[in-house]
Amino acid sequence: HADLHAGNLLWSVGEGPSGRVLVLDLDRA
């Protein structure tokens, strides 16, 4: 990930595929 920080980690209300945190914004990943 080119810009991995807490602002690009979403605490999702619903259950995701690997828990409740969803990684956002893969621009330039």
PDB file of all heavy atoms in Angstrom:
ATOM      1  N   HIS A   1       0.851  -1.194   0.000  1.00  0.00           N
ATOM      2  CA  HIS A   1       0.000   0.000   0.000  1.00  0.00           C
ATOM      3  C   HIS A   1       0.886   1.244   0.000  1.00  0.00           C
ATOM      4  O   HIS A   1       1.836   1.338   0.755  1.00  0.00           O
ATOM      5  CB  HIS A   1      -0.895  -0.019   1.237  1.00  0.00           C
ATOM      6  CG  HIS A   1      -2.089   0.869   1.164  1.00  0.00           C
ATOM      7  ND1 HIS A   1      -1.997   2.241   1.102  1.00  0.00           N
ATOM      8  CD2 HIS A   1      -3.425   0.589   1.147  1.00  0.00           C
ATOM      9  CE1 HIS A   1      -3.220   2.761   1.062  1.00  0.00           C
ATOM     10  NE2 HIS A   1      -4.094   1.771   1.084  1.00  0.00           N
ATOM     11  N   ALA A   2       0.555   2.206  -0.859  1.00  0.00           N
ATOM     12  CA  ALA A   2       1.403   3.396  -0.989  1.00  0.00           C
ATOM     13  C   ALA A   2       1.112   4.455   0.058  1.00  0.00           C
ATOM     14  O   ALA A   2       1.909   5.377   0.237  1.00  0.00           O
ATOM     15  CB  ALA A   2       1.238   3.999  -2.382  1.00  0.00           C
ATOM     16  N   ASP A   3      -0.015   4.346   0.754  1.00  0.00           N
ATOM     17  CA  ASP A   3      -0.403   5.406   1.697  1.00  0.00           C
ATOM     18  C   ASP A   3      -1.178   4.792   2.857  1.00  0.00           C
ATOM     19  O   ASP A   3      -2.300   5.197   3.157  1.00  0.00           O
ATOM     20  CB  ASP A   3      -1.260   6.449   0.965  1.00  0.00           C
ATOM     21  CG  ASP A   3      -1.494   7.709   1.798  1.00  0.00           C
ATOM     22  OD1 ASP A   3      -0.644   8.011   2.663  1.00  0.00           O
ATOM     23  OD2 ASP A   3      -2.526   8.373   1.594  1.00  0.00           O
ATOM     24  N   LEU A   4      -0.555   3.835   3.515  1.00  0.00           N
ATOM     25  CA  LEU A   4      -1.239   3.101   4.580  1.00  0.00           C
ATOM     26  C   LEU A   4      -1.166   3.875   5.889  1.00  0.00           C
ATOM     27  O   LEU A   4      -0.097   4.093   6.441  1.00  0.00           O
ATOM     28  CB  LEU A   4      -0.602   1.716   4.742  1.00  0.00           C
ATOM     29  CG  LEU A   4      -1.326   0.756   5.687  1.00  0.00           C
ATOM     30  CD1 LEU A   4      -2.744   0.476   5.205  1.00  0.00           C
ATOM     31  CD2 LEU A   4      -0.539  -0.554   5.801  1.00  0.00           C
ATOM     32  N   HIS A   5      -2.315   4.314   6.361  1.00  0.00           N
ATOM     33  CA  HIS A   5      -2.423   5.017   7.641  1.00  0.00           C
ATOM     34  C   HIS A   5      -3.829   4.800   8.178  1.00  0.00           C
ATOM     35  O   HIS A   5      -4.700   4.216   7.503  1.00  0.00           O
ATOM     36  CB  HIS A   5      -2.100   6.505   7.480  1.00  0.00           C
ATOM     37  CG  HIS A   5      -2.943   7.203   6.463  1.00  0.00           C
ATOM     38  ND1 HIS A   5      -4.248   7.608   6.709  1.00  0.00           N
ATOM     39  CD2 HIS A   5      -2.682   7.576   5.194  1.00  0.00           C
ATOM     40  CE1 HIS A   5      -4.739   8.195   5.644  1.00  0.00           C
ATOM     41  NE2 HIS A   5      -3.811   8.184   4.700  1.00  0.00           N
ATOM     42  N   ALA A   6      -4.066   5.279   9.400  1.00  0.00           N
ATOM     43  CA  ALA A   6      -5.344   5.015  10.061  1.00  0.00           C
ATOM     44  C   ALA A   6      -6.536   5.583   9.298  1.00  0.00           C
ATOM     45  O   ALA A   6      -7.651   5.056   9.379  1.00  0.00           O
ATOM     46  CB  ALA A   6      -5.318   5.573  11.482  1.00  0.00           C
ATOM     47  N   GLY A   7      -6.326   6.663   8.533  1.00  0.00           N
ATOM     48  CA  GLY A   7      -7.415   7.246   7.763  1.00  0.00           C
ATOM     49  C   GLY A   7      -7.851   6.385   6.595  1.00  0.00           C
ATOM     50  O   GLY A   7      -8.945   6.578   6.048  1.00  0.00           O
ATOM     51  N   ASN A   8      -7.017   5.422   6.208  1.00  0.00           N
ATOM     52  CA  ASN A   8      -7.370   4.501   5.130  1.00  0.00           C
ATOM     53  C   ASN A   8      -7.730   3.113   5.648  1.00  0.00           C
ATOM     54  O   ASN A   8      -7.744   2.142   4.889  1.00  0.00           O
ATOM     55  CB  ASN A   8      -6.225   4.394   4.114  1.00  0.00           C
ATOM     56  CG  ASN A   8      -6.242   5.542   3.122  1.00  0.00           C
ATOM     57  OD1 ASN A   8      -7.296   6.085   2.806  1.00  0.00           O
ATOM     58  ND2 ASN A   8      -5.072   5.921   2.638  1.00  0.00           N
ATOM     59  N   LEU A   9      -8.034   3.026   6.940  1.00  0.00           N
ATOM     60  CA  LEU A   9      -8.534   1.789   7.544  1.00  0.00           C
ATOM     61  C   LEU A   9      -9.928   2.065   8.076  1.00  0.00           C
ATOM     62  O   LEU A   9     -10.105   2.831   9.024  1.00  0.00           O
ATOM     63  CB  LEU A   9      -7.604   1.319   8.665  1.00  0.00           C
ATOM     64  CG  LEU A   9      -6.175   0.966   8.251  1.00  0.00           C
ATOM     65  CD1 LEU A   9      -5.345   0.619   9.476  1.00  0.00           C
ATOM     66  CD2 LEU A   9      -6.167  -0.195   7.267  1.00  0.00           C
ATOM     67  N   LEU A  10     -10.915   1.463   7.467  1.00  0.00           N
ATOM     68  CA  LEU A  10     -12.310   1.707   7.815  1.00  0.00           C
ATOM     69  C   LEU A  10     -12.799   0.660   8.801  1.00  0.00           C
ATOM     70  O   LEU A  10     -12.695  -0.545   8.547  1.00  0.00           O
ATOM     71  CB  LEU A  10     -13.178   1.663   6.550  1.00  0.00           C
ATOM     72  CG  LEU A  10     -14.674   1.946   6.753  1.00  0.00           C
ATOM     73  CD1 LEU A  10     -14.906   3.433   7.004  1.00  0.00           C
ATOM     74  CD2 LEU A  10     -15.480   1.469   5.557  1.00  0.00           C
ATOM     75  N   TRP A  11     -13.321   1.133   9.931  1.00  0.00           N
ATOM     76  CA  TRP A  11     -13.985   0.232  10.879  1.00  0.00           C
ATOM     77  C   TRP A  11     -15.421   0.059  10.402  1.00  0.00           C
ATOM     78  O   TRP A  11     -16.244   0.956  10.515  1.00  0.00           O
ATOM     79  CB  TRP A  11     -13.947   0.803  12.285  1.00  0.00           C
ATOM     80  CG  TRP A  11     -14.584  -0.104  13.309  1.00  0.00           C
ATOM     81  CD1 TRP A  11     -15.839   0.005  13.834  1.00  0.00           C
ATOM     82  CD2 TRP A  11     -13.993  -1.249  13.913  1.00  0.00           C
ATOM     83  NE1 TRP A  11     -16.058  -1.003  14.725  1.00  0.00           N
ATOM     84  CE2 TRP A  11     -14.949  -1.794  14.792  1.00  0.00           C
ATOM     85  CE3 TRP A  11     -12.753  -1.878  13.791  1.00  0.00           C
ATOM     86  CZ2 TRP A  11     -14.702  -2.930  15.558  1.00  0.00           C
ATOM     87  CZ3 TRP A  11     -12.508  -3.013  14.550  1.00  0.00           C
ATOM     88  CH2 TRP A  11     -13.463  -3.528  15.421  1.00  0.00           C
ATOM     89  N   SER A  12     -15.687  -1.099   9.801  1.00  0.00           N
ATOM     90  CA  SER A  12     -16.975  -1.347   9.169  1.00  0.00           C
ATOM     91  C   SER A  12     -17.980  -1.872  10.181  1.00  0.00           C
ATOM     92  O   SER A  12     -17.658  -2.710  11.021  1.00  0.00           O
ATOM     93  CB  SER A  12     -16.814  -2.345   8.022  1.00  0.00           C
ATOM     94  OG  SER A  12     -18.057  -2.657   7.453  1.00  0.00           O
ATOM     95  N   VAL A  13     -19.203  -1.402  10.076  1.00  0.00           N
ATOM     96  CA  VAL A  13     -20.277  -1.864  10.961  1.00  0.00           C
ATOM     97  C   VAL A  13     -20.591  -3.321  10.666  1.00  0.00           C
ATOM     98  O   VAL A  13     -20.847  -4.116  11.567  1.00  0.00           O
ATOM     99  CB  VAL A  13     -21.529  -0.989  10.791  1.00  0.00           C
ATOM    100  CG1 VAL A  13     -22.692  -1.550  11.576  1.00  0.00           C
ATOM    101  CG2 VAL A  13     -21.230   0.440  11.237  1.00  0.00           C
ATOM    102  N   GLY A  14     -20.572  -3.710   9.389  1.00  0.00           N
ATOM    103  CA  GLY A  14     -20.825  -5.094   8.995  1.00  0.00           C
ATOM    104  C   GLY A  14     -19.551  -5.903   9.041  1.00  0.00           C
ATOM    105  O   GLY A  14     -18.444  -5.373   9.049  1.00  0.00           O
ATOM    106  N   GLU A  15     -19.680  -7.209   9.050  1.00  0.00           N
ATOM    107  CA  GLU A  15     -18.512  -8.083   9.074  1.00  0.00           C
ATOM    108  C   GLU A  15     -17.905  -8.168   7.691  1.00  0.00           C
ATOM    109  O   GLU A  15     -18.579  -8.478   6.718  1.00  0.00           O
ATOM    110  CB  GLU A  15     -18.903  -9.485   9.561  1.00  0.00           C
ATOM    111  CG  GLU A  15     -19.316  -9.534  11.027  1.00  0.00           C
ATOM    112  CD  GLU A  15     -18.172  -9.206  11.959  1.00  0.00           C
ATOM    113  OE1 GLU A  15     -17.012  -9.461  11.593  1.00  0.00           O
ATOM    114  OE2 GLU A  15     -18.441  -8.690  13.049  1.00  0.00           O
ATOM    115  N   GLY A  16     -16.607  -7.901   7.573  1.00  0.00           N
ATOM    116  CA  GLY A  16     -15.913  -8.022   6.303  1.00  0.00           C
ATOM    117  C   GLY A  16     -15.371  -9.422   6.119  1.00  0.00           C
ATOM    118  O   GLY A  16     -15.576 -10.304   6.961  1.00  0.00           O
ATOM    119  N   PRO A  17     -14.634  -9.680   5.032  1.00  0.00           N
ATOM    120  CA  PRO A  17     -14.126 -11.016   4.767  1.00  0.00           C
ATOM    121  C   PRO A  17     -13.078 -11.482   5.770  1.00  0.00           C
ATOM    122  O   PRO A  17     -12.886 -12.677   5.953  1.00  0.00           O
ATOM    123  CB  PRO A  17     -13.516 -10.891   3.366  1.00  0.00           C
ATOM    124  CG  PRO A  17     -13.239  -9.438   3.198  1.00  0.00           C
ATOM    125  CD  PRO A  17     -14.311  -8.729   3.957  1.00  0.00           C
ATOM    126  N   SER A  18     -12.402 -10.545   6.430  1.00  0.00           N
ATOM    127  CA  SER A  18     -11.369 -10.925   7.398  1.00  0.00           C
ATOM    128  C   SER A  18     -11.496 -10.126   8.687  1.00  0.00           C
ATOM    129  O   SER A  18     -10.507  -9.810   9.330  1.00  0.00           O
ATOM    130  CB  SER A  18      -9.974 -10.715   6.785  1.00  0.00           C
ATOM    131  OG  SER A  18      -9.810 -11.463   5.630  1.00  0.00           O
ATOM    132  N   GLY A  19     -12.703  -9.776   9.072  1.00  0.00           N
ATOM    133  CA  GLY A  19     -12.886  -8.990  10.282  1.00  0.00           C
ATOM    134  C   GLY A  19     -13.630  -7.714   9.984  1.00  0.00           C
ATOM    135  O   GLY A  19     -14.352  -7.616   8.991  1.00  0.00           O
ATOM    136  N   ARG A  20     -13.444  -6.719  10.812  1.00  0.00           N
ATOM    137  CA  ARG A  20     -14.236  -5.510  10.701  1.00  0.00           C
ATOM    138  C   ARG A  20     -13.444  -4.316  10.190  1.00  0.00           C
ATOM    139  O   ARG A  20     -13.943  -3.211  10.170  1.00  0.00           O
ATOM    140  CB  ARG A  20     -14.864  -5.193  12.064  1.00  0.00           C
ATOM    141  CG  ARG A  20     -15.785  -6.301  12.559  1.00  0.00           C
ATOM    142  CD  ARG A  20     -16.484  -5.921  13.832  1.00  0.00           C
ATOM    143  NE  ARG A  20     -17.442  -4.848  13.625  1.00  0.00           N
ATOM    144  CZ  ARG A  20     -18.108  -4.254  14.612  1.00  0.00           C
ATOM    145  NH1 ARG A  20     -17.883  -4.617  15.856  1.00  0.00           N
ATOM    146  NH2 ARG A  20     -18.969  -3.308  14.359  1.00  0.00           N
ATOM    147  N   VAL A  21     -12.221  -4.507   9.793  1.00  0.00           N
ATOM    148  CA  VAL A  21     -11.430  -3.415   9.220  1.00  0.00           C
ATOM    149  C   VAL A  21     -11.292  -3.641   7.719  1.00  0.00           C
ATOM    150  O   VAL A  21     -10.920  -4.723   7.268  1.00  0.00           O
ATOM    151  CB  VAL A  21     -10.044  -3.318   9.877  1.00  0.00           C
ATOM    152  CG1 VAL A  21      -9.121  -2.398   9.075  1.00  0.00           C
ATOM    153  CG2 VAL A  21     -10.181  -2.777  11.305  1.00  0.00           C
ATOM    154  N   LEU A  22     -11.620  -2.594   6.950  1.00  0.00           N
ATOM    155  CA  LEU A  22     -11.519  -2.644   5.499  1.00  0.00           C
ATOM    156  C   LEU A  22     -10.445  -1.652   5.053  1.00  0.00           C
ATOM    157  O   LEU A  22     -10.467  -0.497   5.472  1.00  0.00           O
ATOM    158  CB  LEU A  22     -12.870  -2.279   4.875  1.00  0.00           C
ATOM    159  CG  LEU A  22     -13.035  -2.456   3.369  1.00  0.00           C
ATOM    160  CD1 LEU A  22     -12.986  -3.934   2.993  1.00  0.00           C
ATOM    161  CD2 LEU A  22     -14.361  -1.843   2.914  1.00  0.00           C
ATOM    162  N   VAL A  23      -9.510  -2.101   4.219  1.00  0.00           N
ATOM    163  CA  VAL A  23      -8.444  -1.242   3.729  1.00  0.00           C
ATOM    164  C   VAL A  23      -8.942  -0.464   2.511  1.00  0.00           C
ATOM    165  O   VAL A  23      -9.474  -1.042   1.562  1.00  0.00           O
ATOM    166  CB  VAL A  23      -7.197  -2.064   3.340  1.00  0.00           C
ATOM    167  CG1 VAL A  23      -6.074  -1.148   2.841  1.00  0.00           C
ATOM    168  CG2 VAL A  23      -6.710  -2.888   4.532  1.00  0.00           C
ATOM    169  N   LEU A  24      -8.777   0.856   2.549  1.00  0.00           N
ATOM    170  CA  LEU A  24      -9.246   1.730   1.479  1.00  0.00           C
ATOM    171  C   LEU A  24      -8.089   2.261   0.648  1.00  0.00           C
ATOM    172  O   LEU A  24      -6.941   2.250   1.077  1.00  0.00           O
ATOM    173  CB  LEU A  24     -10.013   2.921   2.080  1.00  0.00           C
ATOM    174  CG  LEU A  24     -11.157   2.625   3.048  1.00  0.00           C
ATOM    175  CD1 LEU A  24     -11.741   3.926   3.573  1.00  0.00           C
ATOM    176  CD2 LEU A  24     -12.225   1.765   2.398  1.00  0.00           C
ATOM    177  N   ASP A  25      -8.418   2.760  -0.542  1.00  0.00           N
ATOM    178  CA  ASP A  25      -7.530   3.584  -1.376  1.00  0.00           C
ATOM    179  C   ASP A  25      -6.225   2.881  -1.743  1.00  0.00           C
ATOM    180  O   ASP A  25      -5.176   3.144  -1.164  1.00  0.00           O
ATOM    181  CB  ASP A  25      -7.236   4.907  -0.667  1.00  0.00           C
ATOM    182  CG  ASP A  25      -6.586   5.926  -1.602  1.00  0.00           C
ATOM    183  OD1 ASP A  25      -6.409   5.600  -2.794  1.00  0.00           O
ATOM    184  OD2 ASP A  25      -6.253   7.027  -1.146  1.00  0.00           O
ATOM    185  N   LEU A  26      -6.295   2.017  -2.751  1.00  0.00           N
ATOM    186  CA  LEU A  26      -5.099   1.342  -3.242  1.00  0.00           C
ATOM    187  C   LEU A  26      -4.444   2.102  -4.396  1.00  0.00           C
ATOM    188  O   LEU A  26      -3.696   1.512  -5.188  1.00  0.00           O
ATOM    189  CB  LEU A  26      -5.438  -0.081  -3.683  1.00  0.00           C
ATOM    190  CG  LEU A  26      -5.846  -1.050  -2.574  1.00  0.00           C
ATOM    191  CD1 LEU A  26      -6.041  -2.446  -3.132  1.00  0.00           C
ATOM    192  CD2 LEU A  26      -4.842  -1.069  -1.442  1.00  0.00           C
ATOM    193  N   ASP A  27      -4.702   3.399  -4.504  1.00  0.00           N
ATOM    194  CA  ASP A  27      -4.031   4.207  -5.520  1.00  0.00           C
ATOM    195  C   ASP A  27      -2.518   4.113  -5.327  1.00  0.00           C
ATOM    196  O   ASP A  27      -2.001   4.311  -4.229  1.00  0.00           O
ATOM    197  CB  ASP A  27      -4.490   5.670  -5.387  1.00  0.00           C
ATOM    198  CG  ASP A  27      -3.853   6.583  -6.423  1.00  0.00           C
ATOM    199  OD1 ASP A  27      -3.455   6.085  -7.495  1.00  0.00           O
ATOM    200  OD2 ASP A  27      -3.759   7.796  -6.157  1.00  0.00           O
ATOM    201  N   ARG A  28      -1.834   3.776  -6.393  1.00  0.00           N
ATOM    202  CA  ARG A  28      -0.369   3.618  -6.417  1.00  0.00           C
ATOM    203  C   ARG A  28       0.120   2.417  -5.603  1.00  0.00           C
ATOM    204  O   ARG A  28       1.334   2.267  -5.367  1.00  0.00           O
ATOM    205  CB  ARG A  28       0.341   4.890  -5.942  1.00  0.00           C
ATOM    206  CG  ARG A  28       0.181   6.076  -6.889  1.00  0.00           C
ATOM    207  CD  ARG A  28       1.045   7.249  -6.414  1.00  0.00           C
ATOM    208  NE  ARG A  28       0.924   8.398  -7.290  1.00  0.00           N
ATOM    209  CZ  ARG A  28       1.625   8.590  -8.411  1.00  0.00           C
ATOM    210  NH1 ARG A  28       2.473   7.660  -8.813  1.00  0.00           N
ATOM    211  NH2 ARG A  28       1.464   9.669  -9.126  1.00  0.00           N
ATOM    212  N   ALA A  29      -0.784   1.563  -5.143  1.00  0.00           N
ATOM    213  CA  ALA A  29      -0.345   0.345  -4.473  1.00  0.00           C
ATOM    214  C   ALA A  29       0.410  -0.526  -5.473  1.00  0.00           C
ATOM    215  O   ALA A  29       0.172  -0.484  -6.672  1.00  0.00           O
ATOM    216  CB  ALA A  29      -1.540  -0.414  -3.919  1.00  0.00           C
TER     217      ALA A  29
END
